[in-house]
């Protein structure tokens, strides 16, 4: 069995299949995955969804050695993917995926719950970044919000906001709890050597 810890990131910006080529590739996935891809209207969104599914099956196959056609991946009510078969190999094996912009990623862990959230930082020009950020103040603790708003320029504030938001999303995805868990219940702080720690508030 392969080492079960994985960190894969794929840049799809240079992949431009034709519609026919893409449909042919999607047809190789299990039937129940097709609708999860085709539901997206934009072709770029369908590409990300396809690569996300492909990474999941590829990771399970490589780590656990299960044949592609025997892999059964389900999702919780909150949307976290999990392996339905093969738990006897690694009881706590779990993985998580995310995609945004040009990137699709997947991570896996044999013991600890794992979550991933990818965000491409694009400073909005059609709307003041500061005004956009203020709409999400209720999702942050007072300490987090103070650090975000004092990050510096408007662009710095927006970047810090996205960074902290992404950390919160990844944590909730690791729990498999969904956004109903309450992003404001987490407190993210920078520690020694730029490591990050999270404190769950009651």
C-alpha atoms as a PDB file:
ATOM      1  CA  UNK A   1       0.000   0.000   0.000  1.00  0.00           C
ATOM      2  CA  UNK A   2       1.243   3.470  -0.880  1.00  0.00           C
ATOM      3  CA  UNK A   3       1.865   6.209   1.698  1.00  0.00           C
ATOM      4  CA  UNK A   4      -1.682   7.560   2.213  1.00  0.00           C
ATOM      5  CA  UNK A   5      -0.741  11.243   2.576  1.00  0.00           C
ATOM      6  CA  UNK A   6      -1.214  13.145  -0.664  1.00  0.00           C
ATOM      7  CA  UNK A   7      -1.077  16.789  -1.734  1.00  0.00           C
ATOM      8  CA  UNK A   8      -1.877  17.209  -5.428  1.00  0.00           C
ATOM      9  CA  UNK A   9      -2.452  20.465  -7.292  1.00  0.00           C
ATOM     10  CA  UNK A  10      -3.305  20.656 -10.996  1.00  0.00           C
ATOM     11  CA  UNK A  11      -3.089  23.748 -13.192  1.00  0.00           C
ATOM     12  CA  UNK A  12      -5.759  23.322 -15.874  1.00  0.00           C
ATOM     13  CA  UNK A  13      -5.106  26.619 -17.665  1.00  0.00           C
ATOM     14  CA  UNK A  14      -3.235  24.890 -20.489  1.00  0.00           C
ATOM     15  CA  UNK A  15      -5.817  22.126 -20.996  1.00  0.00           C
ATOM     16  CA  UNK A  16      -8.280  22.986 -23.751  1.00  0.00           C
ATOM     17  CA  UNK A  17     -10.103  19.883 -24.968  1.00  0.00           C
ATOM     18  CA  UNK A  18     -12.809  20.057 -27.586  1.00  0.00           C
ATOM     19  CA  UNK A  19     -16.391  19.394 -26.514  1.00  0.00           C
ATOM     20  CA  UNK A  20     -16.242  15.925 -28.086  1.00  0.00           C
ATOM     21  CA  UNK A  21     -12.958  15.075 -26.390  1.00  0.00           C
ATOM     22  CA  UNK A  22     -14.300  16.274 -23.076  1.00  0.00           C
ATOM     23  CA  UNK A  23     -17.525  14.260 -23.402  1.00  0.00           C
ATOM     24  CA  UNK A  24     -15.493  11.164 -24.193  1.00  0.00           C
ATOM     25  CA  UNK A  25     -13.393  11.623 -21.059  1.00  0.00           C
ATOM     26  CA  UNK A  26     -16.412  12.218 -18.846  1.00  0.00           C
ATOM     27  CA  UNK A  27     -18.010   9.024 -20.149  1.00  0.00           C
ATOM     28  CA  UNK A  28     -15.167   7.043 -18.581  1.00  0.00           C
ATOM     29  CA  UNK A  29     -16.257   8.096 -15.100  1.00  0.00           C
ATOM     30  CA  UNK A  30     -19.045   6.254 -13.236  1.00  0.00           C
ATOM     31  CA  UNK A  31     -22.490   7.186 -14.517  1.00  0.00           C
ATOM     32  CA  UNK A  32     -23.593   8.905 -11.312  1.00  0.00           C
ATOM     33  CA  UNK A  33     -20.723  11.404 -11.652  1.00  0.00           C
ATOM     34  CA  UNK A  34     -21.844  12.650 -15.064  1.00  0.00           C
ATOM     35  CA  UNK A  35     -24.664  14.884 -13.811  1.00  0.00           C
ATOM     36  CA  UNK A  36     -22.369  16.471 -11.227  1.00  0.00           C
ATOM     37  CA  UNK A  37     -20.247  17.697 -14.130  1.00  0.00           C
ATOM     38  CA  UNK A  38     -22.852  18.472 -16.774  1.00  0.00           C
ATOM     39  CA  UNK A  39     -24.921  20.612 -14.375  1.00  0.00           C
ATOM     40  CA  UNK A  40     -22.432  23.427 -14.876  1.00  0.00           C
ATOM     41  CA  UNK A  41     -23.257  25.764 -17.734  1.00  0.00           C
ATOM     42  CA  UNK A  42     -19.794  27.203 -18.302  1.00  0.00           C
ATOM     43  CA  UNK A  43     -17.251  24.884 -19.899  1.00  0.00           C
ATOM     44  CA  UNK A  44     -14.494  26.055 -17.518  1.00  0.00           C
ATOM     45  CA  UNK A  45     -16.625  25.012 -14.545  1.00  0.00           C
ATOM     46  CA  UNK A  46     -17.237  21.603 -16.099  1.00  0.00           C
ATOM     47  CA  UNK A  47     -13.485  21.184 -16.631  1.00  0.00           C
ATOM     48  CA  UNK A  48     -12.811  21.894 -12.962  1.00  0.00           C
ATOM     49  CA  UNK A  49     -15.556  19.510 -11.864  1.00  0.00           C
ATOM     50  CA  UNK A  50     -14.199  16.755 -14.112  1.00  0.00           C
ATOM     51  CA  UNK A  51     -10.604  17.108 -12.902  1.00  0.00           C
ATOM     52  CA  UNK A  52     -11.853  17.132  -9.320  1.00  0.00           C
ATOM     53  CA  UNK A  53     -13.606  13.786  -9.844  1.00  0.00           C
ATOM     54  CA  UNK A  54     -10.648  12.356 -11.743  1.00  0.00           C
ATOM     55  CA  UNK A  55      -8.262  13.264  -8.915  1.00  0.00           C
ATOM     56  CA  UNK A  56     -10.483  11.537  -6.366  1.00  0.00           C
ATOM     57  CA  UNK A  57     -10.565   8.243  -8.250  1.00  0.00           C
ATOM     58  CA  UNK A  58      -6.868   8.461  -9.109  1.00  0.00           C
ATOM     59  CA  UNK A  59      -5.887   9.098  -5.501  1.00  0.00           C
ATOM     60  CA  UNK A  60      -7.939   6.221  -4.121  1.00  0.00           C
ATOM     61  CA  UNK A  61      -6.564   3.903  -6.793  1.00  0.00           C
ATOM     62  CA  UNK A  62      -2.948   4.892  -6.127  1.00  0.00           C
ATOM     63  CA  UNK A  63      -3.128   4.855  -2.331  1.00  0.00           C
ATOM     64  CA  UNK A  64      -5.373   1.856  -1.703  1.00  0.00           C
ATOM     65  CA  UNK A  65      -4.853  -0.097  -4.901  1.00  0.00           C
ATOM     66  CA  UNK A  66      -8.571  -0.418  -5.606  1.00  0.00           C
ATOM     67  CA  UNK A  67      -9.406  -0.854  -9.283  1.00  0.00           C
ATOM     68  CA  UNK A  68     -11.090   2.192 -10.799  1.00  0.00           C
ATOM     69  CA  UNK A  69     -14.285   0.306 -11.604  1.00  0.00           C
ATOM     70  CA  UNK A  70     -14.584  -0.919  -8.012  1.00  0.00           C
ATOM     71  CA  UNK A  71     -14.156   2.473  -6.337  1.00  0.00           C
ATOM     72  CA  UNK A  72     -17.361   3.804  -4.782  1.00  0.00           C
ATOM     73  CA  UNK A  73     -17.231   7.468  -3.760  1.00  0.00           C
ATOM     74  CA  UNK A  74     -20.242   8.979  -2.031  1.00  0.00           C
ATOM     75  CA  UNK A  75     -20.833  12.385  -0.488  1.00  0.00           C
ATOM     76  CA  UNK A  76     -22.206  13.483   2.838  1.00  0.00           C
ATOM     77  CA  UNK A  77     -25.257  15.741   3.026  1.00  0.00           C
ATOM     78  CA  UNK A  78     -22.830  18.646   3.349  1.00  0.00           C
ATOM     79  CA  UNK A  79     -20.972  17.533   0.215  1.00  0.00           C
ATOM     80  CA  UNK A  80     -17.748  16.041   1.596  1.00  0.00           C
ATOM     81  CA  UNK A  81     -16.638  13.084  -0.558  1.00  0.00           C
ATOM     82  CA  UNK A  82     -15.806   9.808   1.148  1.00  0.00           C
ATOM     83  CA  UNK A  83     -14.863   6.305   0.117  1.00  0.00           C
ATOM     84  CA  UNK A  84     -17.735   3.885   0.673  1.00  0.00           C
ATOM     85  CA  UNK A  85     -15.660   0.749   0.183  1.00  0.00           C
ATOM     86  CA  UNK A  86     -12.118  -0.011   1.325  1.00  0.00           C
ATOM     87  CA  UNK A  87     -12.382   1.249   4.920  1.00  0.00           C
ATOM     88  CA  UNK A  88     -10.957  -2.057   6.106  1.00  0.00           C
ATOM     89  CA  UNK A  89      -7.630  -0.986   4.569  1.00  0.00           C
ATOM     90  CA  UNK A  90      -7.392   2.373   6.359  1.00  0.00           C
ATOM     91  CA  UNK A  91     -10.208   3.017   8.802  1.00  0.00           C
ATOM     92  CA  UNK A  92      -9.792   6.799   8.973  1.00  0.00           C
ATOM     93  CA  UNK A  93      -8.594   7.437   5.432  1.00  0.00           C
ATOM     94  CA  UNK A  94     -10.242  10.588   4.118  1.00  0.00           C
ATOM     95  CA  UNK A  95      -9.692  13.175   1.417  1.00  0.00           C
ATOM     96  CA  UNK A  96     -10.973  16.544   0.318  1.00  0.00           C
ATOM     97  CA  UNK A  97     -10.990  18.520  -2.914  1.00  0.00           C
ATOM     98  CA  UNK A  98     -11.300  22.130  -3.972  1.00  0.00           C
ATOM     99  CA  UNK A  99     -11.024  24.175  -7.132  1.00  0.00           C
ATOM    100  CA  UNK A 100     -10.969  27.812  -8.092  1.00  0.00           C
ATOM    101  CA  UNK A 101      -9.612  29.697 -11.058  1.00  0.00           C
ATOM    102  CA  UNK A 102      -6.965  27.645 -12.850  1.00  0.00           C
ATOM    103  CA  UNK A 103      -6.359  25.212 -10.020  1.00  0.00           C
ATOM    104  CA  UNK A 104      -7.874  21.957  -8.811  1.00  0.00           C
ATOM    105  CA  UNK A 105      -6.440  20.272  -5.741  1.00  0.00           C
ATOM    106  CA  UNK A 106      -6.873  17.226  -3.537  1.00  0.00           C
ATOM    107  CA  UNK A 107      -5.425  16.250  -0.155  1.00  0.00           C
ATOM    108  CA  UNK A 108      -5.638  13.014   1.822  1.00  0.00           C
ATOM    109  CA  UNK A 109      -4.861  11.841   5.346  1.00  0.00           C
ATOM    110  CA  UNK A 110      -4.830   8.377   6.960  1.00  0.00           C
ATOM    111  CA  UNK A 111      -5.794   9.512  10.479  1.00  0.00           C
ATOM    112  CA  UNK A 112      -6.752  13.191  10.881  1.00  0.00           C
ATOM    113  CA  UNK A 113      -9.782  14.776   9.202  1.00  0.00           C
ATOM    114  CA  UNK A 114      -8.570  16.852   6.262  1.00  0.00           C
ATOM    115  CA  UNK A 115     -10.099  19.821   4.460  1.00  0.00           C
ATOM    116  CA  UNK A 116      -8.993  21.912   1.503  1.00  0.00           C
ATOM    117  CA  UNK A 117     -10.106  25.238   0.109  1.00  0.00           C
ATOM    118  CA  UNK A 118      -8.468  26.910  -2.872  1.00  0.00           C
ATOM    119  CA  UNK A 119      -8.991  30.556  -3.694  1.00  0.00           C
ATOM    120  CA  UNK A 120      -7.380  32.607  -6.436  1.00  0.00           C
ATOM    121  CA  UNK A 121      -6.796  36.157  -5.261  1.00  0.00           C
ATOM    122  CA  UNK A 122      -8.204  38.509  -7.852  1.00  0.00           C
ATOM    123  CA  UNK A 123      -8.757  42.023  -6.555  1.00  0.00           C
ATOM    124  CA  UNK A 124     -12.222  43.165  -7.741  1.00  0.00           C
ATOM    125  CA  UNK A 125     -12.209  46.312  -9.841  1.00  0.00           C
ATOM    126  CA  UNK A 126     -15.935  46.624 -10.465  1.00  0.00           C
ATOM    127  CA  UNK A 127     -16.670  47.027  -6.739  1.00  0.00           C
ATOM    128  CA  UNK A 128     -14.612  48.550  -3.917  1.00  0.00           C
ATOM    129  CA  UNK A 129     -12.844  45.651  -2.166  1.00  0.00           C
ATOM    130  CA  UNK A 130     -13.384  47.202   1.238  1.00  0.00           C
ATOM    131  CA  UNK A 131     -17.141  47.409   0.773  1.00  0.00           C
ATOM    132  CA  UNK A 132     -17.267  43.806  -0.395  1.00  0.00           C
ATOM    133  CA  UNK A 133     -15.296  42.575   2.619  1.00  0.00           C
ATOM    134  CA  UNK A 134     -17.513  44.431   5.092  1.00  0.00           C
ATOM    135  CA  UNK A 135     -20.487  42.307   3.999  1.00  0.00           C
ATOM    136  CA  UNK A 136     -18.830  39.302   5.670  1.00  0.00           C
ATOM    137  CA  UNK A 137     -17.864  40.817   9.018  1.00  0.00           C
ATOM    138  CA  UNK A 138     -20.288  38.590  10.974  1.00  0.00           C
ATOM    139  CA  UNK A 139     -18.324  35.483   9.973  1.00  0.00           C
ATOM    140  CA  UNK A 140     -15.173  36.595  11.804  1.00  0.00           C
ATOM    141  CA  UNK A 141     -14.183  37.006  15.429  1.00  0.00           C
ATOM    142  CA  UNK A 142     -13.343  40.485  16.669  1.00  0.00           C
ATOM    143  CA  UNK A 143      -9.639  39.630  16.713  1.00  0.00           C
ATOM    144  CA  UNK A 144      -9.679  38.309  13.148  1.00  0.00           C
ATOM    145  CA  UNK A 145     -11.697  41.248  11.894  1.00  0.00           C
ATOM    146  CA  UNK A 146      -9.347  43.724  13.529  1.00  0.00           C
ATOM    147  CA  UNK A 147      -6.330  42.121  11.864  1.00  0.00           C
ATOM    148  CA  UNK A 148      -8.020  42.034   8.476  1.00  0.00           C
ATOM    149  CA  UNK A 149      -9.108  45.669   8.589  1.00  0.00           C
ATOM    150  CA  UNK A 150      -5.634  46.767   9.714  1.00  0.00           C
ATOM    151  CA  UNK A 151      -3.770  44.794   7.066  1.00  0.00           C
ATOM    152  CA  UNK A 152      -2.807  47.917   5.149  1.00  0.00           C
ATOM    153  CA  UNK A 153      -4.062  48.988   1.743  1.00  0.00           C
ATOM    154  CA  UNK A 154      -7.443  48.012   0.330  1.00  0.00           C
ATOM    155  CA  UNK A 155      -5.774  45.255  -1.699  1.00  0.00           C
ATOM    156  CA  UNK A 156      -3.982  43.967   1.419  1.00  0.00           C
ATOM    157  CA  UNK A 157      -7.252  43.894   3.332  1.00  0.00           C
ATOM    158  CA  UNK A 158      -8.953  41.929   0.576  1.00  0.00           C
ATOM    159  CA  UNK A 159      -6.057  39.429   0.382  1.00  0.00           C
ATOM    160  CA  UNK A 160      -6.080  38.866   4.154  1.00  0.00           C
ATOM    161  CA  UNK A 161      -9.851  38.475   4.086  1.00  0.00           C
ATOM    162  CA  UNK A 162      -9.649  35.764   1.413  1.00  0.00           C
ATOM    163  CA  UNK A 163      -6.801  33.995   3.214  1.00  0.00           C
ATOM    164  CA  UNK A 164      -8.687  33.838   6.494  1.00  0.00           C
ATOM    165  CA  UNK A 165     -11.956  32.890   4.774  1.00  0.00           C
ATOM    166  CA  UNK A 166     -10.212  30.062   2.956  1.00  0.00           C
ATOM    167  CA  UNK A 167      -8.746  28.710   6.209  1.00  0.00           C
ATOM    168  CA  UNK A 168     -12.175  28.712   7.797  1.00  0.00           C
ATOM    169  CA  UNK A 169     -13.716  26.935   4.800  1.00  0.00           C
ATOM    170  CA  UNK A 170     -11.005  24.267   4.842  1.00  0.00           C
ATOM    171  CA  UNK A 171     -11.529  23.653   8.563  1.00  0.00           C
ATOM    172  CA  UNK A 172     -15.291  23.287   8.169  1.00  0.00           C
ATOM    173  CA  UNK A 173     -14.788  20.997   5.166  1.00  0.00           C
ATOM    174  CA  UNK A 174     -12.459  18.822   7.238  1.00  0.00           C
ATOM    175  CA  UNK A 175     -15.202  18.459   9.841  1.00  0.00           C
ATOM    176  CA  UNK A 176     -17.719  17.745   7.110  1.00  0.00           C
ATOM    177  CA  UNK A 177     -20.072  20.104   8.897  1.00  0.00           C
ATOM    178  CA  UNK A 178     -20.965  22.577   6.160  1.00  0.00           C
ATOM    179  CA  UNK A 179     -21.202  26.341   6.564  1.00  0.00           C
ATOM    180  CA  UNK A 180     -23.993  25.857   9.094  1.00  0.00           C
ATOM    181  CA  UNK A 181     -21.246  25.057  11.587  1.00  0.00           C
ATOM    182  CA  UNK A 182     -20.608  28.783  11.930  1.00  0.00           C
ATOM    183  CA  UNK A 183     -17.448  30.350  10.575  1.00  0.00           C
ATOM    184  CA  UNK A 184     -17.500  32.894  13.412  1.00  0.00           C
ATOM    185  CA  UNK A 185     -16.826  30.058  15.889  1.00  0.00           C
ATOM    186  CA  UNK A 186     -13.251  29.749  14.665  1.00  0.00           C
ATOM    187  CA  UNK A 187     -10.312  31.962  15.512  1.00  0.00           C
ATOM    188  CA  UNK A 188      -7.260  31.796  13.265  1.00  0.00           C
ATOM    189  CA  UNK A 189      -3.960  33.202  14.459  1.00  0.00           C
ATOM    190  CA  UNK A 190      -0.465  33.238  13.083  1.00  0.00           C
ATOM    191  CA  UNK A 191       2.009  31.466  15.341  1.00  0.00           C
ATOM    192  CA  UNK A 192       5.722  30.753  15.381  1.00  0.00           C
ATOM    193  CA  UNK A 193       7.377  30.296  11.985  1.00  0.00           C
ATOM    194  CA  UNK A 194       4.186  31.480  10.280  1.00  0.00           C
ATOM    195  CA  UNK A 195       2.315  28.343  11.343  1.00  0.00           C
ATOM    196  CA  UNK A 196      -1.403  28.746  11.836  1.00  0.00           C
ATOM    197  CA  UNK A 197      -3.473  27.510  14.723  1.00  0.00           C
ATOM    198  CA  UNK A 198      -7.204  27.421  15.162  1.00  0.00           C
ATOM    199  CA  UNK A 199      -9.168  27.860  18.368  1.00  0.00           C
ATOM    200  CA  UNK A 200     -12.767  26.739  18.444  1.00  0.00           C
ATOM    201  CA  UNK A 201     -14.968  29.127  20.348  1.00  0.00           C
ATOM    202  CA  UNK A 202     -18.100  27.907  22.154  1.00  0.00           C
END
